[in-house]
PDB file of N, CA and C in Angstrom:
ATOM      1  N   MET A   1     -20.661   5.722 -11.408  1.00  0.00           N
ATOM      2  CA  MET A   1     -20.153   7.018 -11.009  1.00  0.00           C
ATOM      3  C   MET A   1     -19.044   7.447 -11.959  1.00  0.00           C
ATOM      4  N   ILE A   2     -18.925   8.731 -12.153  1.00  0.00           N
ATOM      5  CA  ILE A   2     -17.809   9.289 -12.910  1.00  0.00           C
ATOM      6  C   ILE A   2     -16.822   9.872 -11.897  1.00  0.00           C
ATOM      7  N   TYR A   3     -15.586   9.383 -11.936  1.00  0.00           N
ATOM      8  CA  TYR A   3     -14.519   9.885 -11.082  1.00  0.00           C
ATOM      9  C   TYR A   3     -13.591  10.752 -11.922  1.00  0.00           C
ATOM     10  N   GLN A   4     -13.065  11.810 -11.327  1.00  0.00           N
ATOM     11  CA  GLN A   4     -12.113  12.669 -12.016  1.00  0.00           C
ATOM     12  C   GLN A   4     -10.811  12.715 -11.247  1.00  0.00           C
ATOM     13  N   GLY A   5      -9.723  12.847 -12.001  1.00  0.00           N
ATOM     14  CA  GLY A   5      -8.419  12.897 -11.367  1.00  0.00           C
ATOM     15  C   GLY A   5      -7.457  13.748 -12.167  1.00  0.00           C
ATOM     16  N   SER A   6      -6.291  13.961 -11.561  1.00  0.00           N
ATOM     17  CA  SER A   6      -5.260  14.760 -12.215  1.00  0.00           C
ATOM     18  C   SER A   6      -3.919  14.465 -11.576  1.00  0.00           C
ATOM     19  N   CYS A   7      -2.883  14.919 -12.245  1.00  0.00           N
ATOM     20  CA  CYS A   7      -1.564  14.920 -11.624  1.00  0.00           C
ATOM     21  C   CYS A   7      -1.553  16.062 -10.596  1.00  0.00           C
ATOM     22  N   HIS A   8      -0.438  16.296  -9.935  1.00  0.00           N
ATOM     23  CA  HIS A   8      -0.370  17.320  -8.888  1.00  0.00           C
ATOM     24  C   HIS A   8      -0.550  18.734  -9.441  1.00  0.00           C
ATOM     25  N   CYS A   9       0.077  19.028 -10.573  1.00  0.00           N
ATOM     26  CA  CYS A   9      -0.006  20.388 -11.134  1.00  0.00           C
ATOM     27  C   CYS A   9      -1.236  20.596 -12.012  1.00  0.00           C
ATOM     28  N   LYS A  10      -2.013  19.552 -12.203  1.00  0.00           N
ATOM     29  CA  LYS A  10      -3.253  19.569 -12.988  1.00  0.00           C
ATOM     30  C   LYS A  10      -3.039  19.766 -14.487  1.00  0.00           C
ATOM     31  N   ALA A  11      -1.812  19.566 -14.952  1.00  0.00           N
ATOM     32  CA  ALA A  11      -1.568  19.614 -16.395  1.00  0.00           C
ATOM     33  C   ALA A  11      -2.211  18.412 -17.085  1.00  0.00           C
ATOM     34  N   VAL A  12      -2.270  17.283 -16.369  1.00  0.00           N
ATOM     35  CA  VAL A  12      -2.898  16.062 -16.890  1.00  0.00           C
ATOM     36  C   VAL A  12      -4.183  15.827 -16.106  1.00  0.00           C
ATOM     37  N   LYS A  13      -5.294  15.750 -16.823  1.00  0.00           N
ATOM     38  CA  LYS A  13      -6.586  15.482 -16.202  1.00  0.00           C
ATOM     39  C   LYS A  13      -7.232  14.296 -16.908  1.00  0.00           C
ATOM     40  N   PHE A  14      -7.923  13.490 -16.122  1.00  0.00           N
ATOM     41  CA  PHE A  14      -8.566  12.296 -16.666  1.00  0.00           C
ATOM     42  C   PHE A  14      -9.849  12.012 -15.900  1.00  0.00           C
ATOM     43  N   GLU A  15     -10.667  11.135 -16.455  1.00  0.00           N
ATOM     44  CA  GLU A  15     -11.858  10.673 -15.762  1.00  0.00           C
ATOM     45  C   GLU A  15     -12.111   9.225 -16.142  1.00  0.00           C
ATOM     46  N   PHE A  16     -12.858   8.556 -15.288  1.00  0.00           N
ATOM     47  CA  PHE A  16     -13.224   7.171 -15.568  1.00  0.00           C
ATOM     48  C   PHE A  16     -14.545   6.860 -14.886  1.00  0.00           C
ATOM     49  N   GLU A  17     -15.209   5.857 -15.409  1.00  0.00           N
ATOM     50  CA  GLU A  17     -16.491   5.435 -14.865  1.00  0.00           C
ATOM     51  C   GLU A  17     -16.298   4.133 -14.110  1.00  0.00           C
ATOM     52  N   SER A  18     -16.910   4.063 -12.932  1.00  0.00           N
ATOM     53  CA  SER A  18     -16.759   2.882 -12.088  1.00  0.00           C
ATOM     54  C   SER A  18     -17.912   2.803 -11.092  1.00  0.00           C
ATOM     55  N   GLU A  19     -18.152   1.612 -10.618  1.00  0.00           N
ATOM     56  CA  GLU A  19     -19.006   1.438  -9.442  1.00  0.00           C
ATOM     57  C   GLU A  19     -18.315   2.157  -8.290  1.00  0.00           C
ATOM     58  N   LEU A  20     -18.976   2.285  -7.163  1.00  0.00           N
ATOM     59  CA  LEU A  20     -18.374   2.869  -5.978  1.00  0.00           C
ATOM     60  C   LEU A  20     -17.069   2.145  -5.666  1.00  0.00           C
ATOM     61  N   ILE A  21     -16.003   2.891  -5.477  1.00  0.00           N
ATOM     62  CA  ILE A  21     -14.677   2.310  -5.258  1.00  0.00           C
ATOM     63  C   ILE A  21     -14.488   2.008  -3.778  1.00  0.00           C
ATOM     64  N   THR A  22     -14.218   0.742  -3.482  1.00  0.00           N
ATOM     65  CA  THR A  22     -13.973   0.307  -2.109  1.00  0.00           C
ATOM     66  C   THR A  22     -12.665  -0.465  -1.989  1.00  0.00           C
ATOM     67  N   ASP A  23     -12.135  -0.949  -3.114  1.00  0.00           N
ATOM     68  CA  ASP A  23     -10.945  -1.805  -3.117  1.00  0.00           C
ATOM     69  C   ASP A  23      -9.820  -1.172  -3.914  1.00  0.00           C
ATOM     70  N   ALA A  24      -8.601  -1.540  -3.561  1.00  0.00           N
ATOM     71  CA  ALA A  24      -7.415  -1.029  -4.250  1.00  0.00           C
ATOM     72  C   ALA A  24      -6.349  -2.114  -4.262  1.00  0.00           C
ATOM     73  N   LEU A  25      -5.248  -1.800  -4.919  1.00  0.00           N
ATOM     74  CA  LEU A  25      -4.138  -2.739  -5.086  1.00  0.00           C
ATOM     75  C   LEU A  25      -2.841  -2.006  -4.813  1.00  0.00           C
ATOM     76  N   GLN A  26      -1.928  -2.675  -4.121  1.00  0.00           N
ATOM     77  CA  GLN A  26      -0.599  -2.129  -3.922  1.00  0.00           C
ATOM     78  C   GLN A  26       0.402  -3.232  -4.241  1.00  0.00           C
ATOM     79  N   CYS A  27       1.397  -2.884  -5.044  1.00  0.00           N
ATOM     80  CA  CYS A  27       2.400  -3.828  -5.540  1.00  0.00           C
ATOM     81  C   CYS A  27       3.748  -3.512  -4.910  1.00  0.00           C
ATOM     82  N   ASN A  28       4.580  -4.532  -4.760  1.00  0.00           N
ATOM     83  CA  ASN A  28       5.900  -4.325  -4.166  1.00  0.00           C
ATOM     84  C   ASN A  28       7.041  -4.500  -5.160  1.00  0.00           C
ATOM     85  N   CYS A  29       6.746  -4.411  -6.473  1.00  0.00           N
ATOM     86  CA  CYS A  29       7.841  -4.476  -7.441  1.00  0.00           C
ATOM     87  C   CYS A  29       8.733  -3.245  -7.253  1.00  0.00           C
ATOM     88  N   SER A  30       9.861  -3.212  -7.901  1.00  0.00           N
ATOM     89  CA  SER A  30      10.848  -2.154  -7.647  1.00  0.00           C
ATOM     90  C   SER A  30      10.326  -0.746  -7.940  1.00  0.00           C
ATOM     91  N   ILE A  31       9.494  -0.573  -8.939  1.00  0.00           N
ATOM     92  CA  ILE A  31       8.980   0.784  -9.220  1.00  0.00           C
ATOM     93  C   ILE A  31       7.805   1.133  -8.312  1.00  0.00           C
ATOM     94  N   CYS A  32       6.899   0.195  -8.097  1.00  0.00           N
ATOM     95  CA  CYS A  32       5.715   0.494  -7.278  1.00  0.00           C
ATOM     96  C   CYS A  32       6.083   0.761  -5.823  1.00  0.00           C
ATOM     97  N   ILE A  33       7.047   0.027  -5.300  1.00  0.00           N
ATOM     98  CA  ILE A  33       7.442   0.246  -3.911  1.00  0.00           C
ATOM     99  C   ILE A  33       8.069   1.625  -3.756  1.00  0.00           C
ATOM    100  N   ARG A  34       8.757   2.105  -4.779  1.00  0.00           N
ATOM    101  CA  ARG A  34       9.384   3.424  -4.711  1.00  0.00           C
ATOM    102  C   ARG A  34       8.373   4.558  -4.849  1.00  0.00           C
ATOM    103  N   LYS A  35       7.373   4.370  -5.694  1.00  0.00           N
ATOM    104  CA  LYS A  35       6.388   5.443  -5.850  1.00  0.00           C
ATOM    105  C   LYS A  35       5.244   5.320  -4.845  1.00  0.00           C
ATOM    106  N   ASN A  36       5.165   4.177  -4.137  1.00  0.00           N
ATOM    107  CA  ASN A  36       4.197   3.973  -3.057  1.00  0.00           C
ATOM    108  C   ASN A  36       2.762   4.258  -3.492  1.00  0.00           C
ATOM    109  N   ALA A  37       2.446   3.909  -4.722  1.00  0.00           N
ATOM    110  CA  ALA A  37       1.113   4.170  -5.257  1.00  0.00           C
ATOM    111  C   ALA A  37       0.116   3.126  -4.772  1.00  0.00           C
ATOM    112  N   ILE A  38      -1.087   3.583  -4.537  1.00  0.00           N
ATOM    113  CA  ILE A  38      -2.221   2.701  -4.281  1.00  0.00           C
ATOM    114  C   ILE A  38      -3.088   2.791  -5.531  1.00  0.00           C
ATOM    115  N   MET A  39      -3.145   1.688  -6.246  1.00  0.00           N
ATOM    116  CA  MET A  39      -3.747   1.673  -7.583  1.00  0.00           C
ATOM    117  C   MET A  39      -5.130   1.034  -7.578  1.00  0.00           C
ATOM    118  N   SER A  40      -5.808   1.242  -8.675  1.00  0.00           N
ATOM    119  CA  SER A  40      -7.095   0.580  -8.850  1.00  0.00           C
ATOM    120  C   SER A  40      -6.869  -0.923  -8.959  1.00  0.00           C
ATOM    121  N   LYS A  41      -7.675  -1.652  -8.250  1.00  0.00           N
ATOM    122  CA  LYS A  41      -7.662  -3.108  -8.394  1.00  0.00           C
ATOM    123  C   LYS A  41      -8.328  -3.455  -9.726  1.00  0.00           C
ATOM    124  N   GLN A  42      -9.320  -2.689 -10.042  1.00  0.00           N
ATOM    125  CA  GLN A  42     -10.055  -2.854 -11.291  1.00  0.00           C
ATOM    126  C   GLN A  42      -9.226  -2.316 -12.454  1.00  0.00           C
ATOM    127  N   ILE A  43      -9.324  -2.973 -13.588  1.00  0.00           N
ATOM    128  CA  ILE A  43      -8.721  -2.489 -14.822  1.00  0.00           C
ATOM    129  C   ILE A  43      -9.832  -1.843 -15.638  1.00  0.00           C
ATOM    130  N   PHE A  44      -9.603  -0.609 -16.075  1.00  0.00           N
ATOM    131  CA  PHE A  44     -10.625   0.131 -16.799  1.00  0.00           C
ATOM    132  C   PHE A  44     -10.383   0.047 -18.302  1.00  0.00           C
ATOM    133  N   ASP A  45     -11.431  -0.280 -19.035  1.00  0.00           N
ATOM    134  CA  ASP A  45     -11.369  -0.315 -20.494  1.00  0.00           C
ATOM    135  C   ASP A  45     -11.316   1.105 -21.043  1.00  0.00           C
ATOM    136  N   LYS A  46     -10.810   1.222 -22.257  1.00  0.00           N
ATOM    137  CA  LYS A  46     -10.713   2.521 -22.925  1.00  0.00           C
ATOM    138  C   LYS A  46     -12.071   3.224 -22.988  1.00  0.00           C
ATOM    139  N   ALA A  47     -13.140   2.462 -23.109  1.00  0.00           N
ATOM    140  CA  ALA A  47     -14.483   3.052 -23.171  1.00  0.00           C
ATOM    141  C   ALA A  47     -14.864   3.725 -21.860  1.00  0.00           C
ATOM    142  N   ASP A  48     -14.252   3.312 -20.742  1.00  0.00           N
ATOM    143  CA  ASP A  48     -14.572   3.854 -19.427  1.00  0.00           C
ATOM    144  C   ASP A  48     -13.516   4.809 -18.897  1.00  0.00           C
ATOM    145  N   PHE A  49     -12.447   5.034 -19.644  1.00  0.00           N
ATOM    146  CA  PHE A  49     -11.328   5.865 -19.198  1.00  0.00           C
ATOM    147  C   PHE A  49     -10.999   6.894 -20.274  1.00  0.00           C
ATOM    148  N   LYS A  50     -10.919   8.168 -19.876  1.00  0.00           N
ATOM    149  CA  LYS A  50     -10.632   9.230 -20.850  1.00  0.00           C
ATOM    150  C   LYS A  50      -9.586  10.186 -20.291  1.00  0.00           C
ATOM    151  N   ILE A  51      -8.601  10.501 -21.120  1.00  0.00           N
ATOM    152  CA  ILE A  51      -7.666  11.572 -20.791  1.00  0.00           C
ATOM    153  C   ILE A  51      -8.321  12.861 -21.273  1.00  0.00           C
ATOM    154  N   LEU A  52      -8.618  13.751 -20.352  1.00  0.00           N
ATOM    155  CA  LEU A  52      -9.332  14.983 -20.677  1.00  0.00           C
ATOM    156  C   LEU A  52      -8.400  16.077 -21.183  1.00  0.00           C
ATOM    157  N   SER A  53      -7.206  16.156 -20.610  1.00  0.00           N
ATOM    158  CA  SER A  53      -6.237  17.160 -21.044  1.00  0.00           C
ATOM    159  C   SER A  53      -4.838  16.729 -20.628  1.00  0.00           C
ATOM    160  N   GLY A  54      -3.852  17.264 -21.338  1.00  0.00           N
ATOM    161  CA  GLY A  54      -2.464  17.023 -20.980  1.00  0.00           C
ATOM    162  C   GLY A  54      -1.813  15.793 -21.563  1.00  0.00           C
ATOM    163  N   ARG A  55      -2.441  15.181 -22.550  1.00  0.00           N
ATOM    164  CA  ARG A  55      -1.838  13.984 -23.160  1.00  0.00           C
ATOM    165  C   ARG A  55      -0.404  14.270 -23.619  1.00  0.00           C
ATOM    166  N   ASP A  56      -0.177  15.463 -24.151  1.00  0.00           N
ATOM    167  CA  ASP A  56       1.163  15.830 -24.629  1.00  0.00           C
ATOM    168  C   ASP A  56       2.129  16.127 -23.481  1.00  0.00           C
ATOM    169  N   ASN A  57       1.625  16.201 -22.264  1.00  0.00           N
ATOM    170  CA  ASN A  57       2.465  16.446 -21.097  1.00  0.00           C
ATOM    171  C   ASN A  57       2.831  15.140 -20.379  1.00  0.00           C
ATOM    172  N   LEU A  58       2.439  14.006 -20.949  1.00  0.00           N
ATOM    173  CA  LEU A  58       2.746  12.711 -20.354  1.00  0.00           C
ATOM    174  C   LEU A  58       4.037  12.139 -20.921  1.00  0.00           C
ATOM    175  N   GLN A  59       4.813  11.566 -20.062  1.00  0.00           N
ATOM    176  CA  GLN A  59       6.028  10.837 -20.441  1.00  0.00           C
ATOM    177  C   GLN A  59       5.819   9.385 -20.012  1.00  0.00           C
ATOM    178  N   THR A  60       6.304   8.442 -20.817  1.00  0.00           N
ATOM    179  CA  THR A  60       6.174   7.031 -20.508  1.00  0.00           C
ATOM    180  C   THR A  60       7.487   6.478 -19.990  1.00  0.00           C
ATOM    181  N   TYR A  61       7.392   5.652 -18.960  1.00  0.00           N
ATOM    182  CA  TYR A  61       8.565   4.958 -18.429  1.00  0.00           C
ATOM    183  C   TYR A  61       8.296   3.460 -18.444  1.00  0.00           C
ATOM    184  N   ASN A  62       9.208   2.710 -19.024  1.00  0.00           N
ATOM    185  CA  ASN A  62       9.140   1.252 -19.032  1.00  0.00           C
ATOM    186  C   ASN A  62      10.383   0.713 -18.353  1.00  0.00           C
ATOM    187  N   PHE A  63      10.258  -0.413 -17.724  1.00  0.00           N
ATOM    188  CA  PHE A  63      11.420  -1.069 -17.135  1.00  0.00           C
ATOM    189  C   PHE A  63      11.230  -2.568 -17.223  1.00  0.00           C
ATOM    190  N   ASN A  64      12.281  -3.296 -16.925  1.00  0.00           N
ATOM    191  CA  ASN A  64      12.267  -4.750 -16.858  1.00  0.00           C
ATOM    192  C   ASN A  64      11.705  -5.364 -18.143  1.00  0.00           C
ATOM    193  N   ASP A  65      10.527  -5.953 -18.088  1.00  0.00           N
ATOM    194  CA  ASP A  65       9.976  -6.664 -19.244  1.00  0.00           C
ATOM    195  C   ASP A  65       9.190  -5.758 -20.192  1.00  0.00           C
ATOM    196  N   HIS A  66       9.089  -4.472 -19.888  1.00  0.00           N
ATOM    197  CA  HIS A  66       8.394  -3.475 -20.715  1.00  0.00           C
ATOM    198  C   HIS A  66       6.911  -3.797 -20.912  1.00  0.00           C
ATOM    199  N   ASP A  67       6.312  -4.540 -19.981  1.00  0.00           N
ATOM    200  CA  ASP A  67       4.888  -4.868 -20.072  1.00  0.00           C
ATOM    201  C   ASP A  67       3.989  -3.701 -19.685  1.00  0.00           C
ATOM    202  N   VAL A  68       4.473  -2.853 -18.773  1.00  0.00           N
ATOM    203  CA  VAL A  68       3.640  -1.774 -18.240  1.00  0.00           C
ATOM    204  C   VAL A  68       4.181  -0.428 -18.709  1.00  0.00           C
ATOM    205  N   ASN A  69       3.286   0.399 -19.244  1.00  0.00           N
ATOM    206  CA  ASN A  69       3.617   1.776 -19.613  1.00  0.00           C
ATOM    207  C   ASN A  69       3.217   2.666 -18.447  1.00  0.00           C
ATOM    208  N   HIS A  70       4.181   3.080 -17.661  1.00  0.00           N
ATOM    209  CA  HIS A  70       3.934   3.967 -16.524  1.00  0.00           C
ATOM    210  C   HIS A  70       3.959   5.397 -17.040  1.00  0.00           C
ATOM    211  N   TYR A  71       2.855   6.113 -16.899  1.00  0.00           N
ATOM    212  CA  TYR A  71       2.768   7.492 -17.381  1.00  0.00           C
ATOM    213  C   TYR A  71       3.049   8.460 -16.239  1.00  0.00           C
ATOM    214  N   PHE A  72       3.872   9.465 -16.532  1.00  0.00           N
ATOM    215  CA  PHE A  72       4.240  10.496 -15.580  1.00  0.00           C
ATOM    216  C   PHE A  72       4.018  11.856 -16.209  1.00  0.00           C
ATOM    217  N   CYS A  73       3.611  12.818 -15.407  1.00  0.00           N
ATOM    218  CA  CYS A  73       3.506  14.193 -15.871  1.00  0.00           C
ATOM    219  C   CYS A  73       4.918  14.756 -16.021  1.00  0.00           C
ATOM    220  N   LYS A  74       5.210  15.360 -17.167  1.00  0.00           N
ATOM    221  CA  LYS A  74       6.532  15.963 -17.411  1.00  0.00           C
ATOM    222  C   LYS A  74       6.808  17.148 -16.489  1.00  0.00           C
ATOM    223  N   THR A  75       5.753  17.793 -16.000  1.00  0.00           N
ATOM    224  CA  THR A  75       5.934  18.977 -15.169  1.00  0.00           C
ATOM    225  C   THR A  75       6.146  18.630 -13.698  1.00  0.00           C
ATOM    226  N   CYS A  76       5.230  17.865 -13.110  1.00  0.00           N
ATOM    227  CA  CYS A  76       5.302  17.608 -11.664  1.00  0.00           C
ATOM    228  C   CYS A  76       5.827  16.213 -11.319  1.00  0.00           C
ATOM    229  N   GLY A  77       5.932  15.322 -12.308  1.00  0.00           N
ATOM    230  CA  GLY A  77       6.498  14.001 -12.065  1.00  0.00           C
ATOM    231  C   GLY A  77       5.547  12.979 -11.475  1.00  0.00           C
ATOM    232  N   ILE A  78       4.295  13.340 -11.292  1.00  0.00           N
ATOM    233  CA  ILE A  78       3.334  12.422 -10.668  1.00  0.00           C
ATOM    234  C   ILE A  78       2.861  11.373 -11.667  1.00  0.00           C
ATOM    235  N   TYR A  79       2.697  10.149 -11.144  1.00  0.00           N
ATOM    236  CA  TYR A  79       2.196   9.000 -11.902  1.00  0.00           C
ATOM    237  C   TYR A  79       0.686   8.899 -11.705  1.00  0.00           C
ATOM    238  N   PRO A  80      -0.131   9.282 -12.700  1.00  0.00           N
ATOM    239  CA  PRO A  80      -1.580   9.211 -12.528  1.00  0.00           C
ATOM    240  C   PRO A  80      -2.210   7.873 -12.935  1.00  0.00           C
ATOM    241  N   PHE A  81      -1.580   7.155 -13.875  1.00  0.00           N
ATOM    242  CA  PHE A  81      -2.156   5.894 -14.363  1.00  0.00           C
ATOM    243  C   PHE A  81      -1.125   5.149 -15.196  1.00  0.00           C
ATOM    244  N   HIS A  82      -1.472   3.905 -15.544  1.00  0.00           N
ATOM    245  CA  HIS A  82      -0.640   3.144 -16.480  1.00  0.00           C
ATOM    246  C   HIS A  82      -1.529   2.246 -17.337  1.00  0.00           C
ATOM    247  N   ASP A  83      -0.959   1.793 -18.432  1.00  0.00           N
ATOM    248  CA  ASP A  83      -1.613   0.784 -19.252  1.00  0.00           C
ATOM    249  C   ASP A  83      -0.594  -0.307 -19.550  1.00  0.00           C
ATOM    250  N   LEU A  84      -1.020  -1.289 -20.317  1.00  0.00           N
ATOM    251  CA  LEU A  84      -0.174  -2.435 -20.613  1.00  0.00           C
ATOM    252  C   LEU A  84       0.287  -2.399 -22.056  1.00  0.00           C
ATOM    253  N   SER A  85       1.553  -2.660 -22.286  1.00  0.00           N
ATOM    254  CA  SER A  85       2.097  -2.650 -23.650  1.00  0.00           C
ATOM    255  C   SER A  85       1.359  -3.628 -24.548  1.00  0.00           C
ATOM    256  N   PHE A  86       1.014  -4.789 -23.996  1.00  0.00           N
ATOM    257  CA  PHE A  86       0.369  -5.831 -24.803  1.00  0.00           C
ATOM    258  C   PHE A  86      -1.149  -5.650 -24.874  1.00  0.00           C
ATOM    259  N   ASP A  87      -1.687  -4.689 -24.135  1.00  0.00           N
ATOM    260  CA  ASP A  87      -3.116  -4.393 -24.171  1.00  0.00           C
ATOM    261  C   ASP A  87      -3.317  -2.921 -23.791  1.00  0.00           C
ATOM    262  N   PRO A  88      -2.950  -1.991 -24.699  1.00  0.00           N
ATOM    263  CA  PRO A  88      -2.924  -0.564 -24.355  1.00  0.00           C
ATOM    264  C   PRO A  88      -4.296   0.076 -24.128  1.00  0.00           C
ATOM    265  N   ASP A  89      -5.358  -0.664 -24.281  1.00  0.00           N
ATOM    266  CA  ASP A  89      -6.687  -0.111 -24.043  1.00  0.00           C
ATOM    267  C   ASP A  89      -7.219  -0.465 -22.662  1.00  0.00           C
ATOM    268  N   LYS A  90      -6.330  -0.887 -21.758  1.00  0.00           N
ATOM    269  CA  LYS A  90      -6.691  -1.251 -20.386  1.00  0.00           C
ATOM    270  C   LYS A  90      -5.850  -0.417 -19.428  1.00  0.00           C
ATOM    271  N   PHE A  91      -6.496   0.255 -18.482  1.00  0.00           N
ATOM    272  CA  PHE A  91      -5.813   1.193 -17.599  1.00  0.00           C
ATOM    273  C   PHE A  91      -6.011   0.841 -16.127  1.00  0.00           C
ATOM    274  N   ARG A  92      -4.976   1.110 -15.327  1.00  0.00           N
ATOM    275  CA  ARG A  92      -5.084   1.138 -13.868  1.00  0.00           C
ATOM    276  C   ARG A  92      -4.779   2.563 -13.447  1.00  0.00           C
ATOM    277  N   VAL A  93      -5.461   3.001 -12.410  1.00  0.00           N
ATOM    278  CA  VAL A  93      -5.400   4.397 -11.973  1.00  0.00           C
ATOM    279  C   VAL A  93      -4.715   4.479 -10.612  1.00  0.00           C
ATOM    280  N   ASN A  94      -3.919   5.514 -10.419  1.00  0.00           N
ATOM    281  CA  ASN A  94      -3.347   5.826  -9.120  1.00  0.00           C
ATOM    282  C   ASN A  94      -4.424   6.569  -8.329  1.00  0.00           C
ATOM    283  N   TYR A  95      -4.987   5.914  -7.312  1.00  0.00           N
ATOM    284  CA  TYR A  95      -6.088   6.521  -6.564  1.00  0.00           C
ATOM    285  C   TYR A  95      -5.673   7.756  -5.787  1.00  0.00           C
ATOM    286  N   GLY A  96      -4.386   7.972  -5.582  1.00  0.00           N
ATOM    287  CA  GLY A  96      -3.925   9.204  -4.958  1.00  0.00           C
ATOM    288  C   GLY A  96      -4.159  10.429  -5.831  1.00  0.00           C
ATOM    289  N   CYS A  97      -4.453  10.202  -7.099  1.00  0.00           N
ATOM    290  CA  CYS A  97      -4.699  11.285  -8.053  1.00  0.00           C
ATOM    291  C   CYS A  97      -6.183  11.521  -8.313  1.00  0.00           C
ATOM    292  N   VAL A  98      -7.049  10.785  -7.627  1.00  0.00           N
ATOM    293  CA  VAL A  98      -8.485  10.855  -7.892  1.00  0.00           C
ATOM    294  C   VAL A  98      -9.185  11.671  -6.804  1.00  0.00           C
ATOM    295  N   GLU A  99      -9.982  12.634  -7.250  1.00  0.00           N
ATOM    296  CA  GLU A  99     -10.724  13.504  -6.329  1.00  0.00           C
ATOM    297  C   GLU A  99     -11.737  12.692  -5.535  1.00  0.00           C
ATOM    298  N   GLY A 100     -11.820  12.983  -4.242  1.00  0.00           N
ATOM    299  CA  GLY A 100     -12.839  12.367  -3.408  1.00  0.00           C
ATOM    300  C   GLY A 100     -12.524  10.972  -2.905  1.00  0.00           C
ATOM    301  N   ILE A 101     -11.317  10.479  -3.159  1.00  0.00           N
ATOM    302  CA  ILE A 101     -10.930   9.150  -2.678  1.00  0.00           C
ATOM    303  C   ILE A 101      -9.782   9.301  -1.692  1.00  0.00           C
ATOM    304  N   GLU A 102      -9.901   8.624  -0.571  1.00  0.00           N
ATOM    305  CA  GLU A 102      -8.796   8.533   0.387  1.00  0.00           C
ATOM    306  C   GLU A 102      -8.212   7.127   0.222  1.00  0.00           C
ATOM    307  N   PRO A 103      -7.128   6.988  -0.562  1.00  0.00           N
ATOM    308  CA  PRO A 103      -6.623   5.663  -0.930  1.00  0.00           C
ATOM    309  C   PRO A 103      -6.316   4.748   0.252  1.00  0.00           C
ATOM    310  N   ARG A 104      -5.780   5.280   1.325  1.00  0.00           N
ATOM    311  CA  ARG A 104      -5.384   4.431   2.451  1.00  0.00           C
ATOM    312  C   ARG A 104      -6.572   3.946   3.276  1.00  0.00           C
ATOM    313  N   SER A 105      -7.765   4.445   2.989  1.00  0.00           N
ATOM    314  CA  SER A 105      -8.954   3.960   3.693  1.00  0.00           C
ATOM    315  C   SER A 105      -9.655   2.836   2.922  1.00  0.00           C
ATOM    316  N   LEU A 106      -9.173   2.515   1.740  1.00  0.00           N
ATOM    317  CA  LEU A 106      -9.766   1.450   0.929  1.00  0.00           C
ATOM    318  C   LEU A 106      -9.282   0.088   1.408  1.00  0.00           C
ATOM    319  N   ASN A 107      -9.976  -0.957   0.991  1.00  0.00           N
ATOM    320  CA  ASN A 107      -9.537  -2.328   1.246  1.00  0.00           C
ATOM    321  C   ASN A 107      -8.416  -2.625   0.256  1.00  0.00           C
ATOM    322  N   ILE A 108      -7.180  -2.675   0.742  1.00  0.00           N
ATOM    323  CA  ILE A 108      -6.022  -2.798  -0.143  1.00  0.00           C
ATOM    324  C   ILE A 108      -5.556  -4.253  -0.214  1.00  0.00           C
ATOM    325  N   ALA A 109      -5.534  -4.783  -1.431  1.00  0.00           N
ATOM    326  CA  ALA A 109      -4.958  -6.105  -1.691  1.00  0.00           C
ATOM    327  C   ALA A 109      -3.502  -5.893  -2.073  1.00  0.00           C
ATOM    328  N   TYR A 110      -2.647  -6.759  -1.614  1.00  0.00           N
ATOM    329  CA  TYR A 110      -1.221  -6.633  -1.898  1.00  0.00           C
ATOM    330  C   TYR A 110      -0.813  -7.652  -2.947  1.00  0.00           C
ATOM    331  N   PHE A 111      -0.072  -7.176  -3.956  1.00  0.00           N
ATOM    332  CA  PHE A 111       0.406  -8.031  -5.040  1.00  0.00           C
ATOM    333  C   PHE A 111       1.921  -8.138  -4.940  1.00  0.00           C
ATOM    334  N   ASP A 112       2.427  -9.345  -4.950  1.00  0.00           N
ATOM    335  CA  ASP A 112       3.869  -9.591  -4.833  1.00  0.00           C
ATOM    336  C   ASP A 112       4.521  -9.525  -6.214  1.00  0.00           C
ATOM    337  N   GLY A 113       4.577  -8.308  -6.753  1.00  0.00           N
ATOM    338  CA  GLY A 113       5.191  -8.100  -8.058  1.00  0.00           C
ATOM    339  C   GLY A 113       6.691  -8.310  -8.051  1.00  0.00           C
ATOM    340  N   ARG A 114       7.305  -8.183  -6.916  1.00  0.00           N
ATOM    341  CA  ARG A 114       8.753  -8.388  -6.799  1.00  0.00           C
ATOM    342  C   ARG A 114       9.120  -9.842  -7.146  1.00  0.00           C
ATOM    343  N   ASN A 115       8.301 -10.782  -6.741  1.00  0.00           N
ATOM    344  CA  ASN A 115       8.618 -12.187  -6.963  1.00  0.00           C
ATOM    345  C   ASN A 115       7.821 -12.830  -8.091  1.00  0.00           C
ATOM    346  N   GLU A 116       6.844 -12.111  -8.617  1.00  0.00           N
ATOM    347  CA  GLU A 116       6.009 -12.638  -9.705  1.00  0.00           C
ATOM    348  C   GLU A 116       6.583 -12.343 -11.075  1.00  0.00           C
ATOM    349  N   LEU A 117       7.514 -11.405 -11.149  1.00  0.00           N
ATOM    350  CA  LEU A 117       8.051 -10.980 -12.454  1.00  0.00           C
ATOM    351  C   LEU A 117       9.072 -11.935 -12.978  1.00  0.00           C
TER     352      LEU A 117
END
């Protein structure tokens, strides 16, 4: 399936290919707990993930060990996805930004990022 998503103001649009989405991931590290994102459990390769528009409207935020590049829309502040500094061709998606998905109805696995870092 091809899924499409965007930030809140739709300045940033993206799509990715995936099997039917039934699972998600939620982390309790200091940034994830604050943004309360429900993310893809699956990591998408660059071949399966495309930024359709708004690349120039993205701002990157790094913290702590700088392993994760958290992307935010400069206009609305929404976090649509992130990649890894050490592997920038791998993406996780914020399912709250994806059309047709109700993130809280997915099977959510919890990751203890607060104590794993």
